[in-house]
N, C-alpha and C. Protein backbone atom coordinates (compact mmCIF):
# COMPACT_ATOMS: atom_id res chain seq x y z
N UNK A 1 -79.72 -136.21 1.67
CA UNK A 1 -80.66 -135.82 2.71
C UNK A 1 -81.30 -134.47 2.35
N UNK A 2 -82.61 -134.40 2.48
CA UNK A 2 -83.32 -133.19 2.07
C UNK A 2 -83.08 -132.04 3.04
N UNK A 3 -82.90 -130.84 2.47
CA UNK A 3 -82.82 -129.64 3.30
C UNK A 3 -84.19 -129.25 3.81
N UNK A 4 -85.23 -129.56 3.04
CA UNK A 4 -86.59 -129.23 3.44
C UNK A 4 -87.07 -130.12 4.58
N UNK A 5 -87.87 -129.56 5.45
CA UNK A 5 -88.58 -130.38 6.42
C UNK A 5 -89.48 -131.37 5.67
N UNK A 6 -89.79 -132.52 6.27
CA UNK A 6 -90.57 -133.54 5.54
C UNK A 6 -91.85 -133.02 4.92
N UNK A 7 -92.62 -132.19 5.67
CA UNK A 7 -93.88 -131.71 5.12
C UNK A 7 -93.66 -130.74 3.95
N UNK A 8 -92.58 -129.96 4.01
CA UNK A 8 -92.28 -129.05 2.91
C UNK A 8 -91.75 -129.81 1.70
N UNK A 9 -90.98 -130.85 1.96
CA UNK A 9 -90.49 -131.67 0.85
C UNK A 9 -91.68 -132.30 0.11
N UNK A 10 -92.67 -132.76 0.85
CA UNK A 10 -93.85 -133.32 0.21
C UNK A 10 -94.58 -132.27 -0.61
N UNK A 11 -94.73 -131.07 -0.04
CA UNK A 11 -95.38 -129.98 -0.79
C UNK A 11 -94.59 -129.64 -2.03
N UNK A 12 -93.26 -129.68 -1.93
CA UNK A 12 -92.42 -129.37 -3.08
C UNK A 12 -92.62 -130.39 -4.19
N UNK A 13 -92.65 -131.66 -3.84
CA UNK A 13 -92.83 -132.71 -4.84
C UNK A 13 -94.22 -132.62 -5.47
N UNK A 14 -95.22 -132.31 -4.67
CA UNK A 14 -96.58 -132.14 -5.20
C UNK A 14 -96.64 -130.95 -6.16
N UNK A 15 -95.90 -129.90 -5.83
CA UNK A 15 -95.88 -128.72 -6.69
C UNK A 15 -95.21 -129.03 -8.02
N UNK A 16 -94.08 -129.72 -7.98
CA UNK A 16 -93.38 -130.08 -9.22
C UNK A 16 -94.29 -130.90 -10.13
N UNK A 17 -95.09 -131.78 -9.53
CA UNK A 17 -95.96 -132.66 -10.31
C UNK A 17 -97.04 -131.90 -11.07
N UNK A 18 -97.30 -130.66 -10.70
CA UNK A 18 -98.34 -129.87 -11.36
C UNK A 18 -97.89 -129.33 -12.72
N UNK A 19 -96.59 -129.33 -12.99
CA UNK A 19 -96.05 -128.66 -14.17
C UNK A 19 -95.55 -129.66 -15.20
N UNK A 20 -95.83 -129.40 -16.48
CA UNK A 20 -95.30 -130.29 -17.54
C UNK A 20 -93.78 -130.32 -17.55
N UNK A 21 -93.14 -129.20 -17.27
CA UNK A 21 -91.69 -129.12 -17.18
C UNK A 21 -91.30 -128.78 -15.76
N UNK A 22 -90.39 -129.54 -15.19
CA UNK A 22 -90.03 -129.36 -13.78
C UNK A 22 -89.53 -127.95 -13.47
N UNK A 23 -88.76 -127.37 -14.41
CA UNK A 23 -88.16 -126.06 -14.14
C UNK A 23 -89.22 -124.98 -13.97
N UNK A 24 -90.43 -125.22 -14.48
CA UNK A 24 -91.51 -124.24 -14.35
C UNK A 24 -91.97 -124.08 -12.91
N UNK A 25 -91.60 -125.02 -12.05
CA UNK A 25 -92.00 -124.96 -10.64
C UNK A 25 -91.01 -124.17 -9.79
N UNK A 26 -90.03 -123.54 -10.41
CA UNK A 26 -88.95 -122.91 -9.64
C UNK A 26 -89.45 -121.83 -8.68
N UNK A 27 -90.30 -120.92 -9.15
CA UNK A 27 -90.74 -119.83 -8.28
C UNK A 27 -91.52 -120.31 -7.07
N UNK A 28 -92.55 -121.17 -7.23
CA UNK A 28 -93.23 -121.65 -6.03
C UNK A 28 -92.31 -122.43 -5.09
N UNK A 29 -91.33 -123.13 -5.63
CA UNK A 29 -90.39 -123.85 -4.77
C UNK A 29 -89.49 -122.88 -4.01
N UNK A 30 -89.12 -121.78 -4.64
CA UNK A 30 -88.33 -120.77 -3.94
C UNK A 30 -89.13 -120.17 -2.78
N UNK A 31 -90.42 -119.99 -2.99
CA UNK A 31 -91.25 -119.50 -1.88
C UNK A 31 -91.28 -120.51 -0.74
N UNK A 32 -91.31 -121.79 -1.05
CA UNK A 32 -91.28 -122.81 -0.01
C UNK A 32 -89.97 -122.76 0.75
N UNK A 33 -88.87 -122.62 0.02
CA UNK A 33 -87.56 -122.55 0.67
C UNK A 33 -87.47 -121.33 1.59
N UNK A 34 -88.01 -120.22 1.14
CA UNK A 34 -87.98 -119.00 1.96
C UNK A 34 -88.94 -119.12 3.14
N UNK A 35 -90.03 -119.85 2.96
CA UNK A 35 -90.96 -120.07 4.07
C UNK A 35 -90.26 -120.82 5.20
N UNK A 36 -89.43 -121.79 4.85
CA UNK A 36 -88.76 -122.58 5.88
C UNK A 36 -87.67 -121.79 6.59
N UNK A 37 -86.85 -121.08 5.82
CA UNK A 37 -85.64 -120.48 6.38
C UNK A 37 -85.72 -118.98 6.62
N UNK A 38 -86.78 -118.34 6.09
CA UNK A 38 -86.89 -116.90 6.25
C UNK A 38 -86.20 -116.12 5.15
N UNK A 39 -85.27 -116.77 4.47
CA UNK A 39 -84.59 -116.22 3.29
C UNK A 39 -84.08 -117.40 2.49
N UNK A 40 -83.48 -117.15 1.33
CA UNK A 40 -83.02 -118.24 0.48
C UNK A 40 -81.58 -118.60 0.82
N UNK A 41 -81.42 -119.72 1.50
CA UNK A 41 -80.08 -120.20 1.84
C UNK A 41 -79.48 -120.93 0.65
N UNK A 42 -78.15 -121.12 0.68
CA UNK A 42 -77.49 -121.87 -0.38
C UNK A 42 -78.06 -123.29 -0.45
N UNK A 43 -78.29 -123.89 0.72
CA UNK A 43 -78.82 -125.25 0.76
C UNK A 43 -80.22 -125.33 0.15
N UNK A 44 -81.03 -124.31 0.45
CA UNK A 44 -82.37 -124.29 -0.11
C UNK A 44 -82.36 -124.17 -1.62
N UNK A 45 -81.49 -123.31 -2.14
CA UNK A 45 -81.42 -123.13 -3.59
C UNK A 45 -80.85 -124.36 -4.28
N UNK A 46 -79.93 -125.05 -3.63
CA UNK A 46 -79.41 -126.29 -4.20
C UNK A 46 -80.52 -127.32 -4.32
N UNK A 47 -81.37 -127.42 -3.29
CA UNK A 47 -82.47 -128.38 -3.35
C UNK A 47 -83.48 -128.01 -4.42
N UNK A 48 -83.77 -126.71 -4.56
CA UNK A 48 -84.67 -126.27 -5.62
C UNK A 48 -84.09 -126.64 -6.98
N UNK A 49 -82.79 -126.48 -7.15
CA UNK A 49 -82.14 -126.84 -8.40
C UNK A 49 -82.30 -128.33 -8.69
N UNK A 50 -82.12 -129.16 -7.66
CA UNK A 50 -82.27 -130.61 -7.84
C UNK A 50 -83.70 -130.96 -8.22
N UNK A 51 -84.66 -130.33 -7.59
CA UNK A 51 -86.06 -130.64 -7.85
C UNK A 51 -86.50 -130.19 -9.24
N UNK A 52 -85.90 -129.13 -9.74
CA UNK A 52 -86.31 -128.57 -11.04
C UNK A 52 -85.40 -128.97 -12.19
N UNK A 53 -84.37 -129.75 -11.91
CA UNK A 53 -83.46 -130.15 -12.98
C UNK A 53 -82.64 -129.01 -13.55
N UNK A 54 -82.33 -128.04 -12.70
CA UNK A 54 -81.54 -126.89 -13.13
C UNK A 54 -80.27 -126.83 -12.28
N UNK A 55 -79.53 -125.74 -12.37
CA UNK A 55 -78.32 -125.58 -11.59
C UNK A 55 -78.55 -124.55 -10.48
N UNK A 56 -77.77 -124.63 -9.39
CA UNK A 56 -77.89 -123.60 -8.36
C UNK A 56 -77.68 -122.19 -8.89
N UNK A 57 -76.82 -122.04 -9.89
CA UNK A 57 -76.59 -120.71 -10.48
C UNK A 57 -77.84 -120.19 -11.16
N UNK A 58 -78.57 -121.06 -11.86
CA UNK A 58 -79.82 -120.65 -12.49
C UNK A 58 -80.85 -120.26 -11.44
N UNK A 59 -80.91 -121.02 -10.37
CA UNK A 59 -81.87 -120.72 -9.31
C UNK A 59 -81.54 -119.38 -8.66
N UNK A 60 -80.26 -119.17 -8.35
CA UNK A 60 -79.85 -117.91 -7.73
C UNK A 60 -80.13 -116.73 -8.68
N UNK A 61 -79.83 -116.90 -9.94
CA UNK A 61 -80.07 -115.84 -10.91
C UNK A 61 -81.53 -115.48 -11.02
N UNK A 62 -82.41 -116.49 -10.97
CA UNK A 62 -83.85 -116.25 -11.01
C UNK A 62 -84.31 -115.54 -9.75
N UNK A 63 -83.86 -116.02 -8.60
CA UNK A 63 -84.28 -115.43 -7.32
C UNK A 63 -83.84 -113.98 -7.21
N UNK A 64 -82.66 -113.67 -7.73
CA UNK A 64 -82.13 -112.31 -7.62
C UNK A 64 -82.95 -111.29 -8.41
N UNK A 65 -83.76 -111.78 -9.35
CA UNK A 65 -84.55 -110.88 -10.18
C UNK A 65 -85.77 -110.34 -9.45
N UNK A 66 -86.24 -111.07 -8.43
CA UNK A 66 -87.52 -110.75 -7.77
C UNK A 66 -87.31 -110.15 -6.39
N UNK A 67 -88.02 -109.05 -6.12
CA UNK A 67 -87.89 -108.36 -4.84
C UNK A 67 -88.38 -109.17 -3.66
N UNK A 68 -89.32 -110.08 -3.89
CA UNK A 68 -89.88 -110.83 -2.76
C UNK A 68 -88.90 -111.87 -2.20
N UNK A 69 -87.87 -112.19 -2.96
CA UNK A 69 -86.90 -113.17 -2.48
C UNK A 69 -85.69 -112.46 -1.89
N UNK A 70 -85.20 -112.98 -0.78
CA UNK A 70 -84.03 -112.42 -0.12
C UNK A 70 -82.91 -113.45 -0.10
N UNK A 71 -81.73 -113.05 -0.54
CA UNK A 71 -80.58 -113.95 -0.59
C UNK A 71 -79.71 -113.86 0.66
N UNK A 72 -80.07 -112.97 1.56
CA UNK A 72 -79.36 -112.83 2.83
C UNK A 72 -80.40 -112.79 3.95
N UNK A 73 -80.00 -113.10 5.17
CA UNK A 73 -80.96 -113.11 6.28
C UNK A 73 -81.67 -111.77 6.44
N UNK A 74 -82.94 -111.83 6.77
CA UNK A 74 -83.74 -110.64 7.05
C UNK A 74 -84.42 -110.84 8.40
N UNK A 75 -85.06 -109.79 8.88
CA UNK A 75 -85.74 -109.88 10.16
C UNK A 75 -86.98 -110.75 10.10
N UNK A 76 -87.50 -111.06 11.24
CA UNK A 76 -88.76 -111.81 11.31
C UNK A 76 -89.86 -111.05 10.60
N UNK A 77 -89.78 -109.71 10.67
CA UNK A 77 -90.76 -108.85 10.01
C UNK A 77 -90.05 -107.93 9.02
N UNK A 78 -90.44 -108.02 7.76
CA UNK A 78 -89.91 -107.12 6.73
C UNK A 78 -90.94 -106.02 6.51
N UNK A 79 -90.57 -104.80 6.90
CA UNK A 79 -91.47 -103.65 6.83
C UNK A 79 -91.17 -102.89 5.55
N UNK A 80 -92.17 -102.75 4.70
CA UNK A 80 -92.00 -102.02 3.45
C UNK A 80 -92.84 -100.76 3.45
N UNK A 81 -92.21 -99.63 3.16
CA UNK A 81 -92.91 -98.34 3.09
C UNK A 81 -92.81 -97.84 1.66
N UNK A 82 -93.94 -97.57 1.04
CA UNK A 82 -93.96 -97.12 -0.36
C UNK A 82 -93.64 -95.63 -0.45
N UNK A 83 -92.80 -95.29 -1.43
CA UNK A 83 -92.49 -93.88 -1.69
C UNK A 83 -92.76 -93.53 -3.15
N UNK A 84 -93.60 -94.32 -3.80
CA UNK A 84 -94.00 -93.98 -5.16
C UNK A 84 -94.91 -92.75 -5.12
N UNK A 85 -95.33 -92.25 -6.27
CA UNK A 85 -95.85 -90.90 -6.37
C UNK A 85 -97.01 -90.61 -5.42
N UNK A 86 -98.03 -91.48 -5.37
CA UNK A 86 -99.18 -91.20 -4.50
C UNK A 86 -98.75 -91.19 -3.04
N UNK A 87 -97.91 -92.14 -2.67
CA UNK A 87 -97.45 -92.22 -1.28
C UNK A 87 -96.44 -91.12 -0.98
N UNK A 88 -95.64 -90.76 -1.97
CA UNK A 88 -94.69 -89.67 -1.80
C UNK A 88 -95.41 -88.38 -1.44
N UNK A 89 -96.48 -88.08 -2.17
CA UNK A 89 -97.24 -86.86 -1.93
C UNK A 89 -97.96 -86.89 -0.58
N UNK A 90 -98.22 -88.12 -0.08
CA UNK A 90 -98.93 -88.26 1.19
C UNK A 90 -97.98 -88.40 2.38
N UNK A 91 -96.69 -88.23 2.14
CA UNK A 91 -95.73 -88.28 3.25
C UNK A 91 -94.97 -89.58 3.37
N UNK A 92 -94.83 -90.31 2.27
CA UNK A 92 -94.14 -91.59 2.30
C UNK A 92 -92.69 -91.49 2.73
N UNK A 93 -91.97 -90.50 2.23
CA UNK A 93 -90.56 -90.37 2.59
C UNK A 93 -90.41 -90.03 4.08
N UNK A 94 -91.29 -89.19 4.59
CA UNK A 94 -91.24 -88.84 6.01
C UNK A 94 -91.57 -90.06 6.89
N UNK A 95 -92.54 -90.86 6.45
CA UNK A 95 -92.89 -92.05 7.22
C UNK A 95 -91.75 -93.07 7.18
N UNK A 96 -91.09 -93.17 6.04
CA UNK A 96 -89.95 -94.08 5.93
C UNK A 96 -88.83 -93.65 6.88
N UNK A 97 -88.56 -92.36 6.93
CA UNK A 97 -87.54 -91.86 7.84
C UNK A 97 -87.92 -92.12 9.30
N UNK A 98 -89.20 -91.95 9.60
CA UNK A 98 -89.66 -92.21 10.96
C UNK A 98 -89.53 -93.69 11.29
N UNK A 99 -89.87 -94.55 10.33
CA UNK A 99 -89.75 -96.00 10.55
C UNK A 99 -88.30 -96.38 10.81
N UNK A 100 -87.39 -95.75 10.11
CA UNK A 100 -85.96 -96.02 10.33
C UNK A 100 -85.56 -95.67 11.76
N UNK A 101 -86.06 -94.55 12.25
CA UNK A 101 -85.74 -94.13 13.62
C UNK A 101 -86.39 -95.07 14.64
N UNK A 102 -87.65 -95.42 14.41
CA UNK A 102 -88.38 -96.29 15.34
C UNK A 102 -87.76 -97.68 15.42
N UNK A 103 -87.40 -98.23 14.26
CA UNK A 103 -86.86 -99.58 14.21
C UNK A 103 -85.38 -99.64 14.56
N UNK A 104 -84.72 -98.49 14.49
CA UNK A 104 -83.30 -98.45 14.83
C UNK A 104 -82.41 -99.04 13.77
N UNK A 105 -82.81 -98.92 12.51
CA UNK A 105 -81.97 -99.44 11.43
C UNK A 105 -82.18 -98.59 10.19
N UNK A 106 -81.19 -98.57 9.33
CA UNK A 106 -81.27 -97.83 8.08
C UNK A 106 -82.16 -98.56 7.09
N UNK A 107 -82.60 -97.86 6.06
CA UNK A 107 -83.36 -98.48 4.99
C UNK A 107 -82.48 -99.54 4.32
N UNK A 108 -83.01 -100.73 4.17
CA UNK A 108 -82.26 -101.82 3.58
C UNK A 108 -81.49 -102.65 4.60
N UNK A 109 -81.58 -102.27 5.86
CA UNK A 109 -80.85 -102.97 6.92
C UNK A 109 -81.80 -103.64 7.89
N UNK A 110 -81.23 -104.40 8.82
CA UNK A 110 -81.99 -105.13 9.82
C UNK A 110 -81.64 -104.62 11.20
N UNK A 111 -82.64 -104.52 12.06
CA UNK A 111 -82.43 -104.02 13.41
C UNK A 111 -81.49 -104.94 14.18
N UNK A 112 -80.85 -104.38 15.20
CA UNK A 112 -79.84 -105.12 15.96
C UNK A 112 -80.42 -106.37 16.62
N UNK A 113 -81.69 -106.34 16.97
CA UNK A 113 -82.30 -107.51 17.61
C UNK A 113 -82.76 -108.56 16.60
N UNK A 114 -82.56 -108.28 15.30
CA UNK A 114 -82.93 -109.23 14.26
C UNK A 114 -84.41 -109.34 14.00
N UNK A 115 -85.19 -108.45 14.57
CA UNK A 115 -86.64 -108.56 14.46
C UNK A 115 -87.20 -107.89 13.21
N UNK A 116 -86.60 -106.76 12.80
CA UNK A 116 -87.16 -105.98 11.69
C UNK A 116 -86.12 -105.73 10.60
N UNK A 117 -86.59 -105.80 9.36
CA UNK A 117 -85.84 -105.31 8.21
C UNK A 117 -86.70 -104.24 7.55
N UNK A 118 -86.09 -103.12 7.20
CA UNK A 118 -86.83 -101.99 6.62
C UNK A 118 -86.50 -101.85 5.15
N UNK A 119 -87.55 -101.73 4.33
CA UNK A 119 -87.37 -101.58 2.89
C UNK A 119 -88.16 -100.39 2.36
N UNK A 120 -87.58 -99.71 1.40
CA UNK A 120 -88.31 -98.71 0.61
C UNK A 120 -88.85 -99.42 -0.61
N UNK A 121 -90.15 -99.34 -0.84
CA UNK A 121 -90.76 -100.13 -1.90
C UNK A 121 -91.33 -99.24 -3.00
N UNK A 122 -91.53 -99.89 -4.14
CA UNK A 122 -92.29 -99.27 -5.22
C UNK A 122 -93.78 -99.51 -4.96
N UNK A 123 -94.62 -99.14 -5.90
CA UNK A 123 -96.07 -99.17 -5.69
C UNK A 123 -96.54 -100.51 -5.13
N UNK A 124 -97.29 -100.46 -4.04
CA UNK A 124 -97.84 -101.65 -3.40
C UNK A 124 -99.32 -101.85 -3.72
N UNK A 125 -99.83 -101.01 -4.62
CA UNK A 125 -101.21 -101.16 -5.14
C UNK A 125 -102.27 -100.97 -4.07
N UNK A 126 -102.02 -100.05 -3.16
CA UNK A 126 -103.04 -99.67 -2.17
C UNK A 126 -103.04 -98.15 -2.06
N UNK A 127 -103.04 -97.49 -3.21
CA UNK A 127 -102.79 -96.05 -3.28
C UNK A 127 -103.85 -95.21 -2.59
N UNK A 128 -105.05 -95.76 -2.40
CA UNK A 128 -106.09 -94.98 -1.73
C UNK A 128 -105.87 -94.91 -0.22
N UNK A 129 -104.95 -95.74 0.30
CA UNK A 129 -104.58 -95.67 1.72
C UNK A 129 -103.10 -95.33 1.77
N UNK A 130 -102.78 -94.08 1.49
CA UNK A 130 -101.38 -93.67 1.37
C UNK A 130 -100.94 -92.86 2.59
N UNK A 131 -99.65 -92.97 2.94
CA UNK A 131 -98.63 -93.84 2.35
C UNK A 131 -98.83 -95.30 2.76
N UNK A 132 -98.63 -96.18 1.79
CA UNK A 132 -98.91 -97.59 2.00
C UNK A 132 -97.75 -98.28 2.73
N UNK A 133 -98.10 -99.13 3.68
CA UNK A 133 -97.11 -99.90 4.44
C UNK A 133 -97.52 -101.37 4.43
N UNK A 134 -96.54 -102.23 4.20
CA UNK A 134 -96.75 -103.67 4.31
C UNK A 134 -95.78 -104.26 5.32
N UNK A 135 -96.21 -105.32 5.98
CA UNK A 135 -95.31 -106.11 6.82
C UNK A 135 -95.44 -107.55 6.35
N UNK A 136 -94.34 -108.10 5.88
CA UNK A 136 -94.34 -109.47 5.33
C UNK A 136 -95.41 -109.64 4.27
N UNK A 137 -95.54 -108.60 3.43
CA UNK A 137 -96.46 -108.59 2.30
C UNK A 137 -97.93 -108.59 2.71
N UNK A 138 -98.20 -108.19 3.96
CA UNK A 138 -99.58 -107.98 4.41
C UNK A 138 -99.82 -106.49 4.56
N UNK A 139 -100.93 -105.99 4.01
CA UNK A 139 -101.28 -104.59 4.20
C UNK A 139 -101.63 -104.35 5.67
N UNK A 140 -101.07 -103.30 6.23
CA UNK A 140 -101.35 -102.98 7.63
C UNK A 140 -102.08 -101.64 7.79
N UNK A 141 -102.25 -100.91 6.69
CA UNK A 141 -103.01 -99.66 6.69
C UNK A 141 -102.52 -98.72 7.79
N UNK A 142 -101.22 -98.58 7.86
CA UNK A 142 -100.57 -97.72 8.87
C UNK A 142 -100.00 -96.51 8.16
N UNK A 143 -100.66 -95.36 8.29
CA UNK A 143 -100.30 -94.21 7.46
C UNK A 143 -99.67 -93.05 8.23
N UNK A 144 -99.61 -93.14 9.55
CA UNK A 144 -99.07 -92.04 10.35
C UNK A 144 -97.96 -92.56 11.25
N UNK A 145 -97.05 -91.69 11.70
CA UNK A 145 -95.99 -92.12 12.62
C UNK A 145 -96.53 -92.77 13.89
N UNK A 146 -97.59 -92.21 14.47
CA UNK A 146 -98.15 -92.79 15.69
C UNK A 146 -98.69 -94.19 15.44
N UNK A 147 -99.37 -94.37 14.31
CA UNK A 147 -99.92 -95.68 13.98
C UNK A 147 -98.80 -96.69 13.73
N UNK A 148 -97.74 -96.24 13.09
CA UNK A 148 -96.61 -97.13 12.85
C UNK A 148 -95.95 -97.53 14.17
N UNK A 149 -95.79 -96.58 15.07
CA UNK A 149 -95.20 -96.90 16.38
C UNK A 149 -96.05 -97.92 17.13
N UNK A 150 -97.36 -97.78 17.04
CA UNK A 150 -98.26 -98.72 17.71
C UNK A 150 -98.14 -100.11 17.09
N UNK A 151 -98.02 -100.16 15.77
CA UNK A 151 -97.85 -101.43 15.08
C UNK A 151 -96.55 -102.11 15.52
N UNK A 152 -95.47 -101.35 15.54
CA UNK A 152 -94.17 -101.91 15.93
C UNK A 152 -94.22 -102.44 17.36
N UNK A 153 -94.88 -101.70 18.25
CA UNK A 153 -95.00 -102.15 19.63
C UNK A 153 -95.77 -103.47 19.70
N UNK A 154 -96.83 -103.59 18.92
CA UNK A 154 -97.61 -104.83 18.89
C UNK A 154 -96.77 -105.99 18.37
N UNK A 155 -95.99 -105.73 17.32
CA UNK A 155 -95.16 -106.79 16.76
C UNK A 155 -94.09 -107.24 17.75
N UNK A 156 -93.51 -106.29 18.45
CA UNK A 156 -92.50 -106.65 19.47
C UNK A 156 -93.11 -107.50 20.57
N UNK A 157 -94.39 -107.24 20.90
CA UNK A 157 -95.05 -107.97 21.98
C UNK A 157 -95.74 -109.24 21.49
N UNK A 158 -95.63 -109.53 20.18
CA UNK A 158 -96.24 -110.74 19.64
C UNK A 158 -97.74 -110.69 19.53
N UNK A 159 -98.31 -109.48 19.45
CA UNK A 159 -99.77 -109.34 19.45
C UNK A 159 -100.40 -109.45 18.06
N UNK A 160 -99.58 -109.47 17.02
CA UNK A 160 -100.15 -109.49 15.67
C UNK A 160 -99.81 -110.78 14.92
N UNK A 161 -99.35 -111.79 15.63
CA UNK A 161 -98.91 -113.00 14.95
C UNK A 161 -100.04 -113.77 14.30
N UNK A 162 -101.28 -113.51 14.74
CA UNK A 162 -102.41 -114.17 14.11
C UNK A 162 -102.66 -113.66 12.70
N UNK A 163 -102.24 -112.44 12.41
CA UNK A 163 -102.46 -111.87 11.08
C UNK A 163 -101.18 -111.65 10.30
N UNK A 164 -100.03 -111.58 10.98
CA UNK A 164 -98.76 -111.35 10.30
C UNK A 164 -97.78 -112.44 10.71
N UNK A 165 -97.65 -113.49 9.91
CA UNK A 165 -96.72 -114.57 10.25
C UNK A 165 -95.27 -114.14 9.97
N UNK A 166 -94.30 -114.93 10.39
CA UNK A 166 -92.91 -114.59 10.11
C UNK A 166 -92.64 -114.45 8.62
N UNK A 167 -91.60 -113.72 8.28
CA UNK A 167 -91.28 -113.50 6.87
C UNK A 167 -91.07 -114.83 6.15
N UNK A 168 -91.60 -114.89 4.94
CA UNK A 168 -91.47 -116.08 4.11
C UNK A 168 -92.75 -116.86 4.00
N UNK A 169 -93.65 -116.73 4.97
CA UNK A 169 -94.90 -117.48 4.94
C UNK A 169 -95.92 -116.71 4.11
N UNK A 170 -96.27 -117.25 2.96
CA UNK A 170 -97.26 -116.59 2.11
C UNK A 170 -98.67 -117.02 2.46
N UNK A 171 -98.84 -118.29 2.79
CA UNK A 171 -100.17 -118.79 3.16
C UNK A 171 -100.02 -119.69 4.38
N UNK A 172 -101.06 -119.76 5.18
CA UNK A 172 -101.06 -120.63 6.36
C UNK A 172 -101.84 -121.92 6.13
N UNK A 173 -102.78 -121.88 5.20
CA UNK A 173 -103.66 -123.02 4.98
C UNK A 173 -103.34 -123.65 3.63
N UNK A 174 -103.12 -124.94 3.62
CA UNK A 174 -102.83 -125.63 2.38
C UNK A 174 -104.04 -125.61 1.47
N UNK A 175 -103.83 -125.30 0.21
CA UNK A 175 -104.92 -125.24 -0.76
C UNK A 175 -105.59 -126.60 -0.89
N UNK A 176 -106.92 -126.60 -0.82
CA UNK A 176 -107.67 -127.85 -0.94
C UNK A 176 -108.38 -127.95 -2.29
N UNK A 177 -108.38 -126.86 -3.04
CA UNK A 177 -109.02 -126.89 -4.35
C UNK A 177 -108.01 -127.15 -5.45
N UNK A 178 -108.35 -126.76 -6.65
CA UNK A 178 -107.42 -126.92 -7.75
C UNK A 178 -107.37 -128.34 -8.27
N UNK A 179 -106.19 -128.74 -8.71
CA UNK A 179 -106.00 -130.03 -9.34
C UNK A 179 -106.20 -131.16 -8.33
N UNK A 180 -107.13 -132.09 -8.63
CA UNK A 180 -107.41 -133.18 -7.70
C UNK A 180 -107.32 -134.52 -8.41
N UNK A 181 -106.19 -134.81 -8.95
CA UNK A 181 -105.95 -136.11 -9.58
C UNK A 181 -104.64 -136.65 -9.02
N UNK A 182 -104.44 -137.94 -9.18
CA UNK A 182 -103.24 -138.55 -8.63
C UNK A 182 -102.01 -138.16 -9.44
N UNK A 183 -100.87 -138.22 -8.78
CA UNK A 183 -99.62 -137.90 -9.47
C UNK A 183 -99.36 -138.89 -10.60
N UNK A 184 -99.78 -140.15 -10.42
CA UNK A 184 -99.58 -141.15 -11.47
C UNK A 184 -100.41 -140.82 -12.70
N UNK A 185 -101.65 -140.34 -12.47
CA UNK A 185 -102.48 -139.96 -13.61
C UNK A 185 -101.86 -138.80 -14.37
N UNK A 186 -101.32 -137.84 -13.64
CA UNK A 186 -100.65 -136.71 -14.30
C UNK A 186 -99.49 -137.22 -15.14
N UNK A 187 -98.68 -138.12 -14.55
CA UNK A 187 -97.51 -138.64 -15.27
C UNK A 187 -97.94 -139.40 -16.52
N UNK A 188 -99.01 -140.22 -16.41
CA UNK A 188 -99.48 -141.00 -17.55
C UNK A 188 -99.97 -140.09 -18.67
N UNK A 189 -100.71 -139.05 -18.32
CA UNK A 189 -101.22 -138.14 -19.33
C UNK A 189 -100.09 -137.40 -20.03
N UNK A 190 -99.09 -137.04 -19.28
CA UNK A 190 -97.97 -136.33 -19.89
C UNK A 190 -97.15 -137.24 -20.80
N UNK A 191 -97.05 -138.51 -20.42
CA UNK A 191 -96.36 -139.48 -21.28
C UNK A 191 -97.09 -139.62 -22.61
N UNK A 192 -98.42 -139.70 -22.55
CA UNK A 192 -99.20 -139.80 -23.78
C UNK A 192 -99.06 -138.54 -24.63
N UNK A 193 -99.08 -137.38 -23.98
CA UNK A 193 -98.95 -136.13 -24.72
C UNK A 193 -97.59 -136.04 -25.40
N UNK A 194 -96.55 -136.47 -24.69
CA UNK A 194 -95.20 -136.42 -25.25
C UNK A 194 -95.08 -137.36 -26.45
N UNK A 195 -95.68 -138.55 -26.32
CA UNK A 195 -95.64 -139.50 -27.42
C UNK A 195 -96.38 -138.97 -28.64
N UNK A 196 -97.53 -138.34 -28.40
CA UNK A 196 -98.30 -137.78 -29.51
C UNK A 196 -97.55 -136.64 -30.19
N UNK A 197 -96.87 -135.83 -29.39
CA UNK A 197 -96.10 -134.72 -29.96
C UNK A 197 -94.93 -135.24 -30.79
N UNK A 198 -94.28 -136.26 -30.30
CA UNK A 198 -93.16 -136.84 -31.05
C UNK A 198 -93.63 -137.48 -32.36
N UNK A 199 -94.83 -138.09 -32.31
CA UNK A 199 -95.38 -138.71 -33.51
C UNK A 199 -95.71 -137.64 -34.55
N UNK A 200 -96.29 -136.52 -34.10
CA UNK A 200 -96.60 -135.43 -35.03
C UNK A 200 -95.33 -134.86 -35.64
N UNK A 201 -94.32 -134.72 -34.82
CA UNK A 201 -93.04 -134.18 -35.32
C UNK A 201 -92.42 -135.09 -36.36
N UNK A 202 -92.51 -136.41 -36.10
CA UNK A 202 -91.96 -137.38 -37.04
C UNK A 202 -92.69 -137.33 -38.37
N UNK A 203 -94.03 -137.18 -38.32
CA UNK A 203 -94.81 -137.13 -39.57
C UNK A 203 -94.50 -135.88 -40.36
N UNK A 204 -94.31 -134.77 -39.64
CA UNK A 204 -94.01 -133.50 -40.33
C UNK A 204 -92.65 -133.56 -41.00
N UNK A 205 -91.76 -134.40 -40.47
CA UNK A 205 -90.41 -134.49 -41.02
C UNK A 205 -90.31 -135.41 -42.22
N UNK A 206 -91.39 -136.17 -42.49
CA UNK A 206 -91.36 -137.10 -43.62
C UNK A 206 -91.54 -136.39 -44.95
């Protein structure tokens, strides 16, 4: 029985079909698993392993390398405050400390109500609006303590859900562009490519 919801399982299978090697789909599948559960559960990683022909240990090891993936539960909103050089000079450390006080949790921890997780981040590539703050990987352009407090109040009241979805959701709209051929056509083309490659290898070995 699939751990993924039916619509996510379909998206996962469609994603796998885009890659010549199934294991190459691991990262986008991990994002799907995190979209469903908010973080990477053991069950989600097991399913990703099955879909990619790998082991749960390989999936966990890959996920642990990337900051965007969480192996333990996080809040509905993951707040990241940059303290790299441009943001540091603009008050990043002070804003991070203020965020910790406002959210009621230490850096790297989750608030008691389960709503917020606070992270200290490296460069978020928005250095001209420093110190840079993201919520669920969305830029919020919140550079002062007062602005951050207003943002947090809005999030608590559900006023920003149209622009900041729960953690794990990277996109809201399914892509309609890109590859537009049937899965069978993809499979047939790859079978032909594999046969041609094997034929070339056999000739080179003669």
